[in-house]
């Protein structure tokens, strides 16, 4: 089984269309809603460090699930 990584808000808006949440944070927080076809992630830029510091759940909830699927 495979899934498509949607990295960043632009790709998420393009592929998820109306099912994308209002913000990137909401979409990533609800990553399970898009499985098994898509796995949504923030863009890996230096700004992600600021975002990640504000959203500790990303490291504890999202990343372990991604690692287990890879």
N, C-alpha and C. Protein backbone atom coordinates (compact mmCIF):
# COMPACT_ATOMS: atom_id res chain seq x y z
N UNK A 1 0.84 -1.17 0.00
CA UNK A 1 0.00 0.00 0.00
C UNK A 1 0.89 1.24 0.00
N UNK A 2 0.47 2.27 -0.68
CA UNK A 2 1.22 3.51 -0.71
C UNK A 2 0.28 4.69 -0.47
N UNK A 3 0.87 5.81 -0.18
CA UNK A 3 0.12 7.05 0.00
C UNK A 3 0.91 8.18 -0.63
N UNK A 4 0.26 9.29 -0.85
CA UNK A 4 0.88 10.46 -1.44
C UNK A 4 1.13 11.47 -0.34
N UNK A 5 2.37 11.96 -0.24
CA UNK A 5 2.71 12.99 0.72
C UNK A 5 2.28 14.35 0.16
N UNK A 6 1.47 15.05 0.90
CA UNK A 6 1.09 16.41 0.54
C UNK A 6 1.81 17.34 1.49
N UNK A 7 2.87 17.96 0.99
CA UNK A 7 3.74 18.77 1.83
C UNK A 7 3.46 20.24 1.59
N UNK A 8 2.94 20.90 2.60
CA UNK A 8 2.65 22.32 2.53
C UNK A 8 1.22 22.62 2.13
N UNK A 9 0.81 23.83 2.41
CA UNK A 9 -0.57 24.26 2.20
C UNK A 9 -0.97 24.26 0.73
N UNK A 10 -0.08 24.66 -0.16
CA UNK A 10 -0.45 24.72 -1.58
C UNK A 10 -0.81 23.35 -2.14
N UNK A 11 0.01 22.35 -1.84
CA UNK A 11 -0.30 21.01 -2.35
C UNK A 11 -1.55 20.45 -1.69
N UNK A 12 -1.73 20.74 -0.41
CA UNK A 12 -2.92 20.26 0.27
C UNK A 12 -4.18 20.89 -0.31
N UNK A 13 -4.15 22.19 -0.55
CA UNK A 13 -5.31 22.85 -1.14
C UNK A 13 -5.59 22.32 -2.54
N UNK A 14 -4.55 22.06 -3.32
CA UNK A 14 -4.72 21.59 -4.69
C UNK A 14 -5.36 20.20 -4.73
N UNK A 15 -4.82 19.28 -3.95
CA UNK A 15 -5.30 17.89 -4.00
C UNK A 15 -6.53 17.63 -3.14
N UNK A 16 -6.62 18.28 -2.01
CA UNK A 16 -7.74 18.01 -1.11
C UNK A 16 -8.98 18.82 -1.45
N UNK A 17 -8.80 19.87 -2.22
CA UNK A 17 -9.90 20.74 -2.65
C UNK A 17 -10.72 21.19 -1.43
N UNK A 18 -12.00 20.93 -1.46
CA UNK A 18 -12.89 21.41 -0.39
C UNK A 18 -12.78 20.62 0.90
N UNK A 19 -12.08 19.49 0.88
CA UNK A 19 -11.94 18.71 2.12
C UNK A 19 -10.79 19.23 2.99
N UNK A 20 -9.94 20.11 2.43
CA UNK A 20 -8.88 20.70 3.24
C UNK A 20 -9.51 21.61 4.30
N UNK A 21 -8.90 21.63 5.45
CA UNK A 21 -9.39 22.50 6.51
C UNK A 21 -8.99 23.95 6.21
N UNK A 22 -9.44 24.86 7.03
CA UNK A 22 -9.21 26.28 6.80
C UNK A 22 -7.72 26.65 6.88
N UNK A 23 -6.99 26.02 7.80
CA UNK A 23 -5.56 26.32 7.96
C UNK A 23 -4.73 25.06 7.81
N UNK A 24 -3.45 25.25 7.55
CA UNK A 24 -2.53 24.13 7.47
C UNK A 24 -2.50 23.38 8.80
N UNK A 25 -2.50 24.11 9.89
CA UNK A 25 -2.47 23.49 11.22
C UNK A 25 -3.66 22.57 11.42
N UNK A 26 -4.84 23.02 11.07
CA UNK A 26 -6.04 22.19 11.21
C UNK A 26 -5.96 20.96 10.31
N UNK A 27 -5.47 21.13 9.09
CA UNK A 27 -5.36 20.01 8.16
C UNK A 27 -4.38 18.97 8.69
N UNK A 28 -3.21 19.41 9.14
CA UNK A 28 -2.21 18.47 9.64
C UNK A 28 -2.70 17.82 10.94
N UNK A 29 -3.35 18.58 11.79
CA UNK A 29 -3.88 18.03 13.04
C UNK A 29 -4.87 16.89 12.75
N UNK A 30 -5.62 17.02 11.69
CA UNK A 30 -6.61 16.01 11.29
C UNK A 30 -6.09 15.10 10.18
N UNK A 31 -4.78 14.82 10.21
CA UNK A 31 -4.16 14.03 9.15
C UNK A 31 -4.84 12.69 8.90
N UNK A 32 -5.39 12.11 9.93
CA UNK A 32 -6.06 10.81 9.81
C UNK A 32 -7.29 10.85 8.90
N UNK A 33 -7.88 12.02 8.73
CA UNK A 33 -9.05 12.16 7.86
C UNK A 33 -8.70 11.91 6.40
N UNK A 34 -7.43 12.04 6.05
CA UNK A 34 -7.02 11.94 4.64
C UNK A 34 -6.33 10.62 4.31
N UNK A 35 -6.08 9.83 5.33
CA UNK A 35 -5.51 8.50 5.11
C UNK A 35 -6.58 7.56 4.59
N UNK A 36 -6.29 6.57 3.83
CA UNK A 36 -4.96 6.07 3.49
C UNK A 36 -4.38 6.66 2.20
N UNK A 37 -5.12 7.51 1.50
CA UNK A 37 -4.63 8.02 0.21
C UNK A 37 -3.56 9.10 0.37
N UNK A 38 -3.77 10.04 1.29
CA UNK A 38 -2.85 11.17 1.46
C UNK A 38 -2.32 11.24 2.88
N UNK A 39 -1.08 11.70 2.99
CA UNK A 39 -0.50 12.01 4.31
C UNK A 39 -0.08 13.46 4.23
N UNK A 40 -0.67 14.31 5.07
CA UNK A 40 -0.44 15.75 5.01
C UNK A 40 0.64 16.17 6.00
N UNK A 41 1.53 17.06 5.55
CA UNK A 41 2.64 17.54 6.37
C UNK A 41 2.88 19.02 6.11
N UNK A 42 3.47 19.72 7.08
CA UNK A 42 3.87 21.10 6.82
C UNK A 42 5.09 21.12 5.92
N UNK A 43 5.34 22.25 5.29
CA UNK A 43 6.51 22.39 4.43
C UNK A 43 7.77 22.40 5.30
N UNK A 44 8.82 21.67 4.89
CA UNK A 44 10.03 21.59 5.72
C UNK A 44 10.97 22.79 5.53
N UNK A 45 10.51 23.95 5.90
CA UNK A 45 11.33 25.15 5.80
C UNK A 45 11.76 25.56 7.21
N UNK A 46 12.68 26.51 7.31
CA UNK A 46 13.07 26.97 8.65
C UNK A 46 11.89 27.51 9.47
N UNK A 47 10.87 28.03 8.81
CA UNK A 47 9.70 28.53 9.53
C UNK A 47 8.93 27.39 10.21
N UNK A 48 9.11 26.16 9.71
CA UNK A 48 8.44 25.03 10.32
C UNK A 48 8.88 24.85 11.77
N UNK A 49 10.10 25.24 12.08
CA UNK A 49 10.58 25.10 13.46
C UNK A 49 9.74 25.93 14.42
N UNK A 50 9.36 27.12 13.99
CA UNK A 50 8.50 27.97 14.80
C UNK A 50 7.12 27.32 14.93
N UNK A 51 6.60 26.86 13.82
CA UNK A 51 5.28 26.21 13.80
C UNK A 51 5.30 24.97 14.69
N UNK A 52 6.36 24.17 14.56
CA UNK A 52 6.47 22.93 15.33
C UNK A 52 6.57 23.21 16.83
N UNK A 53 7.24 24.28 17.21
CA UNK A 53 7.35 24.64 18.63
C UNK A 53 5.98 24.99 19.21
N UNK A 54 5.10 25.53 18.41
CA UNK A 54 3.76 25.89 18.86
C UNK A 54 2.79 24.70 18.81
N UNK A 55 3.16 23.67 18.08
CA UNK A 55 2.28 22.51 17.86
C UNK A 55 3.01 21.22 18.23
N UNK A 56 3.21 21.03 19.51
CA UNK A 56 3.97 19.87 20.01
C UNK A 56 3.35 18.54 19.61
N UNK A 57 2.06 18.51 19.39
CA UNK A 57 1.36 17.29 18.99
C UNK A 57 1.90 16.73 17.68
N UNK A 58 2.50 17.59 16.84
CA UNK A 58 3.03 17.12 15.56
C UNK A 58 4.11 16.07 15.78
N UNK A 59 5.01 16.32 16.72
CA UNK A 59 6.11 15.39 17.00
C UNK A 59 5.61 14.14 17.70
N UNK A 60 4.64 14.28 18.59
CA UNK A 60 4.18 13.14 19.38
C UNK A 60 3.11 12.30 18.69
N UNK A 61 2.32 12.91 17.80
CA UNK A 61 1.21 12.19 17.18
C UNK A 61 1.41 11.90 15.69
N UNK A 62 1.84 12.90 14.94
CA UNK A 62 1.91 12.76 13.49
C UNK A 62 3.17 12.03 13.05
N UNK A 63 4.32 12.48 13.50
CA UNK A 63 5.57 11.88 13.04
C UNK A 63 5.69 10.38 13.34
N UNK A 64 5.31 9.91 14.53
CA UNK A 64 5.37 8.46 14.76
C UNK A 64 4.48 7.67 13.80
N UNK A 65 3.32 8.21 13.47
CA UNK A 65 2.44 7.52 12.52
C UNK A 65 3.08 7.49 11.14
N UNK A 66 3.68 8.59 10.72
CA UNK A 66 4.37 8.62 9.44
C UNK A 66 5.51 7.61 9.42
N UNK A 67 6.30 7.58 10.47
CA UNK A 67 7.43 6.63 10.54
C UNK A 67 6.95 5.19 10.48
N UNK A 68 5.84 4.88 11.13
CA UNK A 68 5.35 3.50 11.11
C UNK A 68 4.84 3.09 9.73
N UNK A 69 4.39 4.06 8.94
CA UNK A 69 3.88 3.76 7.60
C UNK A 69 4.99 3.66 6.56
N UNK A 70 6.12 4.31 6.86
CA UNK A 70 7.26 4.25 5.93
C UNK A 70 8.05 3.01 6.25
